[in-house]
Amino acid sequence: MIEPDKEIDDLPIAVIGAAIEVHRILGPGYVESVYEEALAVELSLRKIPFERQKPIRVEYKGHLVSEGRLDLLVDNKLVVELKTVEALAPIHVAPVISYLKAMRLPLGLLINFNVPLLKRGLKRVVLSTNPSDVLAAQPRVQV
């Protein structure tokens, strides 16, 4: 269970641990929705609060121009986008950056389950205070 006063970095570590468990049991090869369902089960078992398919509003100059959905919003602090692709590319990071901007959150995880070792399918996406400076880097994986 994640305590409310924990550092923001503890949350992605907990989610990565849950994703590693899902990947350890299921392995690669399923469609994204299977991993989303399994990760939801694992997060629930670990008592980590989350919302699936969280609706987000996209506004432009105060006008609603679109609505989208996040795969997972964990503890109202962490955007989690799931993929089952051959390899993560910048095109996969772009939606996470957009979700972070729309939600006004600093941190997201991009998780690709279609890899032999999940550590190779993880990207931590940090939205800095300068909107033009976005860093996507590998997280330290701790379980």
C-alpha atoms as a PDB file:
ATOM      1  CA  MET A   1       0.000   0.000   0.000  1.00  0.00           C
ATOM      2  CA  ILE A   2       1.272   3.466  -0.885  1.00  0.00           C
ATOM      3  CA  GLU A   3       1.240   5.899   2.029  1.00  0.00           C
ATOM      4  CA  PRO A   4      -0.041   9.402   1.173  1.00  0.00           C
ATOM      5  CA  ASP A   5       3.154  11.145   2.338  1.00  0.00           C
ATOM      6  CA  LYS A   6       5.557   9.005   0.298  1.00  0.00           C
ATOM      7  CA  GLU A   7       7.826  10.635  -2.264  1.00  0.00           C
ATOM      8  CA  ILE A   8       6.512  10.773  -5.846  1.00  0.00           C
ATOM      9  CA  ASP A   9       9.327   8.401  -6.869  1.00  0.00           C
ATOM     10  CA  ASP A  10       7.958   5.644  -4.612  1.00  0.00           C
ATOM     11  CA  LEU A  11       4.779   5.467  -6.670  1.00  0.00           C
ATOM     12  CA  PRO A  12       6.417   4.547 -10.010  1.00  0.00           C
ATOM     13  CA  ILE A  13       8.611   2.008  -8.219  1.00  0.00           C
ATOM     14  CA  ALA A  14       5.480   0.352  -6.808  1.00  0.00           C
ATOM     15  CA  VAL A  15       3.759   0.367 -10.212  1.00  0.00           C
ATOM     16  CA  ILE A  16       6.862  -1.031 -11.928  1.00  0.00           C
ATOM     17  CA  GLY A  17       6.970  -3.812  -9.334  1.00  0.00           C
ATOM     18  CA  ALA A  18       3.337  -4.652 -10.100  1.00  0.00           C
ATOM     19  CA  ALA A  19       4.021  -4.572 -13.867  1.00  0.00           C
ATOM     20  CA  ILE A  20       7.032  -6.857 -13.442  1.00  0.00           C
ATOM     21  CA  GLU A  21       4.839  -9.354 -11.603  1.00  0.00           C
ATOM     22  CA  VAL A  22       2.233  -9.250 -14.393  1.00  0.00           C
ATOM     23  CA  HIS A  23       4.950  -9.724 -17.028  1.00  0.00           C
ATOM     24  CA  ARG A  24       6.595 -12.518 -15.021  1.00  0.00           C
ATOM     25  CA  ILE A  25       3.340 -14.472 -14.969  1.00  0.00           C
ATOM     26  CA  LEU A  26       1.912 -13.655 -18.426  1.00  0.00           C
ATOM     27  CA  GLY A  27       5.076 -12.987 -20.443  1.00  0.00           C
ATOM     28  CA  PRO A  28       4.964 -11.134 -23.774  1.00  0.00           C
ATOM     29  CA  GLY A  29       2.484 -11.827 -26.573  1.00  0.00           C
ATOM     30  CA  TYR A  30      -0.952 -10.703 -25.413  1.00  0.00           C
ATOM     31  CA  VAL A  31      -2.884  -7.628 -26.536  1.00  0.00           C
ATOM     32  CA  GLU A  32      -2.698  -4.444 -24.491  1.00  0.00           C
ATOM     33  CA  SER A  33      -6.128  -4.904 -22.888  1.00  0.00           C
ATOM     34  CA  VAL A  34      -5.022  -8.183 -21.272  1.00  0.00           C
ATOM     35  CA  TYR A  35      -2.099  -6.444 -19.577  1.00  0.00           C
ATOM     36  CA  GLU A  36      -4.292  -3.530 -18.523  1.00  0.00           C
ATOM     37  CA  GLU A  37      -6.742  -5.920 -16.865  1.00  0.00           C
ATOM     38  CA  ALA A  38      -3.968  -7.949 -15.207  1.00  0.00           C
ATOM     39  CA  LEU A  39      -2.178  -4.811 -13.997  1.00  0.00           C
ATOM     40  CA  ALA A  40      -5.465  -3.528 -12.551  1.00  0.00           C
ATOM     41  CA  VAL A  41      -5.808  -6.800 -10.629  1.00  0.00           C
ATOM     42  CA  GLU A  42      -2.216  -6.575  -9.393  1.00  0.00           C
ATOM     43  CA  LEU A  43      -2.543  -2.924  -8.327  1.00  0.00           C
ATOM     44  CA  SER A  44      -5.749  -3.800  -6.448  1.00  0.00           C
ATOM     45  CA  LEU A  45      -4.042  -6.717  -4.701  1.00  0.00           C
ATOM     46  CA  ARG A  46      -1.259  -4.350  -3.632  1.00  0.00           C
ATOM     47  CA  LYS A  47      -3.812  -1.752  -2.491  1.00  0.00           C
ATOM     48  CA  ILE A  48      -2.410   0.883  -4.837  1.00  0.00           C
ATOM     49  CA  PRO A  49      -5.196   3.329  -5.759  1.00  0.00           C
ATOM     50  CA  PHE A  50      -5.816   3.813  -9.486  1.00  0.00           C
ATOM     51  CA  GLU A  51      -8.411   4.615 -12.126  1.00  0.00           C
ATOM     52  CA  ARG A  52      -8.671   2.798 -15.467  1.00  0.00           C
ATOM     53  CA  GLN A  53      -9.539   4.553 -18.715  1.00  0.00           C
ATOM     54  CA  LYS A  54      -9.607   7.887 -16.895  1.00  0.00           C
ATOM     55  CA  PRO A  55     -11.317  10.523 -19.067  1.00  0.00           C
ATOM     56  CA  ILE A  56      -9.258  13.639 -19.756  1.00  0.00           C
ATOM     57  CA  ARG A  57     -10.312  16.920 -21.281  1.00  0.00           C
ATOM     58  CA  VAL A  58      -8.208  18.605 -23.925  1.00  0.00           C
ATOM     59  CA  GLU A  59      -8.726  22.329 -23.932  1.00  0.00           C
ATOM     60  CA  TYR A  60      -7.525  25.033 -26.259  1.00  0.00           C
ATOM     61  CA  LYS A  61      -7.747  28.647 -25.095  1.00  0.00           C
ATOM     62  CA  GLY A  62     -10.436  27.707 -22.605  1.00  0.00           C
ATOM     63  CA  HIS A  63     -12.491  25.656 -25.074  1.00  0.00           C
ATOM     64  CA  LEU A  64     -12.981  21.911 -24.930  1.00  0.00           C
ATOM     65  CA  VAL A  65     -11.599  20.547 -28.208  1.00  0.00           C
ATOM     66  CA  SER A  66     -11.402  16.847 -27.413  1.00  0.00           C
ATOM     67  CA  GLU A  67     -11.648  14.185 -24.776  1.00  0.00           C
ATOM     68  CA  GLY A  68      -9.336  11.246 -24.358  1.00  0.00           C
ATOM     69  CA  ARG A  69      -8.676   8.415 -21.947  1.00  0.00           C
ATOM     70  CA  LEU A  70      -5.616   7.463 -19.932  1.00  0.00           C
ATOM     71  CA  ASP A  71      -4.881   3.758 -19.599  1.00  0.00           C
ATOM     72  CA  LEU A  72      -4.261   4.230 -15.871  1.00  0.00           C
ATOM     73  CA  LEU A  73      -4.049   7.124 -13.459  1.00  0.00           C
ATOM     74  CA  VAL A  74      -2.382   5.918 -10.274  1.00  0.00           C
ATOM     75  CA  ASP A  75      -3.131   7.704  -7.006  1.00  0.00           C
ATOM     76  CA  ASN A  76      -4.150  10.826  -8.996  1.00  0.00           C
ATOM     77  CA  LYS A  77      -0.412  11.490  -9.465  1.00  0.00           C
ATOM     78  CA  LEU A  78       1.045   9.111 -12.042  1.00  0.00           C
ATOM     79  CA  VAL A  79       0.015   8.620 -15.672  1.00  0.00           C
ATOM     80  CA  VAL A  80       0.607   5.051 -16.880  1.00  0.00           C
ATOM     81  CA  GLU A  81       0.390   4.265 -20.594  1.00  0.00           C
ATOM     82  CA  LEU A  82       0.556   0.621 -21.674  1.00  0.00           C
ATOM     83  CA  LYS A  83       1.813  -0.718 -25.001  1.00  0.00           C
ATOM     84  CA  THR A  84       2.415  -4.049 -26.712  1.00  0.00           C
ATOM     85  CA  VAL A  85       4.697  -3.003 -29.552  1.00  0.00           C
ATOM     86  CA  GLU A  86       7.921  -4.317 -31.063  1.00  0.00           C
ATOM     87  CA  ALA A  87       9.889  -1.384 -29.630  1.00  0.00           C
ATOM     88  CA  LEU A  88       9.054   1.901 -27.956  1.00  0.00           C
ATOM     89  CA  ALA A  89       9.556   4.919 -30.195  1.00  0.00           C
ATOM     90  CA  PRO A  90       9.184   8.684 -29.731  1.00  0.00           C
ATOM     91  CA  ILE A  91       5.652   8.414 -31.166  1.00  0.00           C
ATOM     92  CA  HIS A  92       4.731   6.344 -28.075  1.00  0.00           C
ATOM     93  CA  VAL A  93       6.165   8.931 -25.681  1.00  0.00           C
ATOM     94  CA  ALA A  94       4.269  11.850 -27.258  1.00  0.00           C
ATOM     95  CA  PRO A  95       0.809  10.882 -25.902  1.00  0.00           C
ATOM     96  CA  VAL A  96       2.230  10.504 -22.391  1.00  0.00           C
ATOM     97  CA  ILE A  97       3.647  14.030 -22.611  1.00  0.00           C
ATOM     98  CA  SER A  98       0.263  15.299 -23.824  1.00  0.00           C
ATOM     99  CA  TYR A  99      -1.555  13.520 -20.981  1.00  0.00           C
ATOM    100  CA  LEU A 100       0.857  15.002 -18.443  1.00  0.00           C
ATOM    101  CA  LYS A 101       0.232  18.484 -19.820  1.00  0.00           C
ATOM    102  CA  ALA A 102      -3.559  17.999 -19.859  1.00  0.00           C
ATOM    103  CA  MET A 103      -3.582  16.607 -16.318  1.00  0.00           C
ATOM    104  CA  ARG A 104      -0.950  19.097 -15.088  1.00  0.00           C
ATOM    105  CA  LEU A 105       1.134  16.254 -13.684  1.00  0.00           C
ATOM    106  CA  PRO A 106       4.927  15.932 -13.745  1.00  0.00           C
ATOM    107  CA  LEU A 107       5.466  12.177 -14.082  1.00  0.00           C
ATOM    108  CA  GLY A 108       4.371   9.283 -16.271  1.00  0.00           C
ATOM    109  CA  LEU A 109       5.359   5.724 -17.066  1.00  0.00           C
ATOM    110  CA  LEU A 110       5.299   4.125 -20.487  1.00  0.00           C
ATOM    111  CA  ILE A 111       5.279   0.330 -20.198  1.00  0.00           C
ATOM    112  CA  ASN A 112       5.734  -1.996 -23.172  1.00  0.00           C
ATOM    113  CA  PHE A 113       4.823  -5.586 -22.261  1.00  0.00           C
ATOM    114  CA  ASN A 114       5.964  -7.031 -25.606  1.00  0.00           C
ATOM    115  CA  VAL A 115       9.570  -7.568 -24.505  1.00  0.00           C
ATOM    116  CA  PRO A 116      11.436 -10.589 -23.126  1.00  0.00           C
ATOM    117  CA  LEU A 117      12.572  -8.603 -20.050  1.00  0.00           C
ATOM    118  CA  LEU A 118      10.191  -5.896 -18.829  1.00  0.00           C
ATOM    119  CA  LYS A 119      13.055  -3.639 -17.728  1.00  0.00           C
ATOM    120  CA  ARG A 120      13.713  -3.061 -21.447  1.00  0.00           C
ATOM    121  CA  GLY A 121      10.111  -1.947 -21.980  1.00  0.00           C
ATOM    122  CA  LEU A 122      10.023   0.808 -19.367  1.00  0.00           C
ATOM    123  CA  LYS A 123      10.294   4.536 -19.899  1.00  0.00           C
ATOM    124  CA  ARG A 124       9.898   7.161 -17.250  1.00  0.00           C
ATOM    125  CA  VAL A 125       8.555  10.417 -18.703  1.00  0.00           C
ATOM    126  CA  VAL A 126       9.141  13.605 -16.729  1.00  0.00           C
ATOM    127  CA  LEU A 127       7.503  16.860 -17.698  1.00  0.00           C
ATOM    128  CA  SER A 128       9.754  19.644 -16.474  1.00  0.00           C
ATOM    129  CA  THR A 129       8.629  23.100 -15.420  1.00  0.00           C
ATOM    130  CA  ASN A 130       9.876  24.309 -18.807  1.00  0.00           C
ATOM    131  CA  PRO A 131       7.292  22.840 -21.272  1.00  0.00           C
ATOM    132  CA  SER A 132       9.868  22.604 -24.071  1.00  0.00           C
ATOM    133  CA  ASP A 133      12.245  20.519 -21.933  1.00  0.00           C
ATOM    134  CA  VAL A 134      10.933  16.960 -21.621  1.00  0.00           C
ATOM    135  CA  LEU A 135      13.110  14.106 -20.450  1.00  0.00           C
ATOM    136  CA  ALA A 136      12.315  10.473 -21.199  1.00  0.00           C
ATOM    137  CA  ALA A 137      14.767   8.187 -19.454  1.00  0.00           C
ATOM    138  CA  GLN A 138      14.985   4.651 -18.146  1.00  0.00           C
ATOM    139  CA  PRO A 139      13.922   4.374 -14.497  1.00  0.00           C
ATOM    140  CA  ARG A 140      15.833   2.626 -11.809  1.00  0.00           C
ATOM    141  CA  VAL A 141      13.883  -0.586 -11.450  1.00  0.00           C
ATOM    142  CA  GLN A 142      13.515  -1.746  -7.863  1.00  0.00           C
ATOM    143  CA  VAL A 143      11.276  -4.567  -6.730  1.00  0.00           C
END
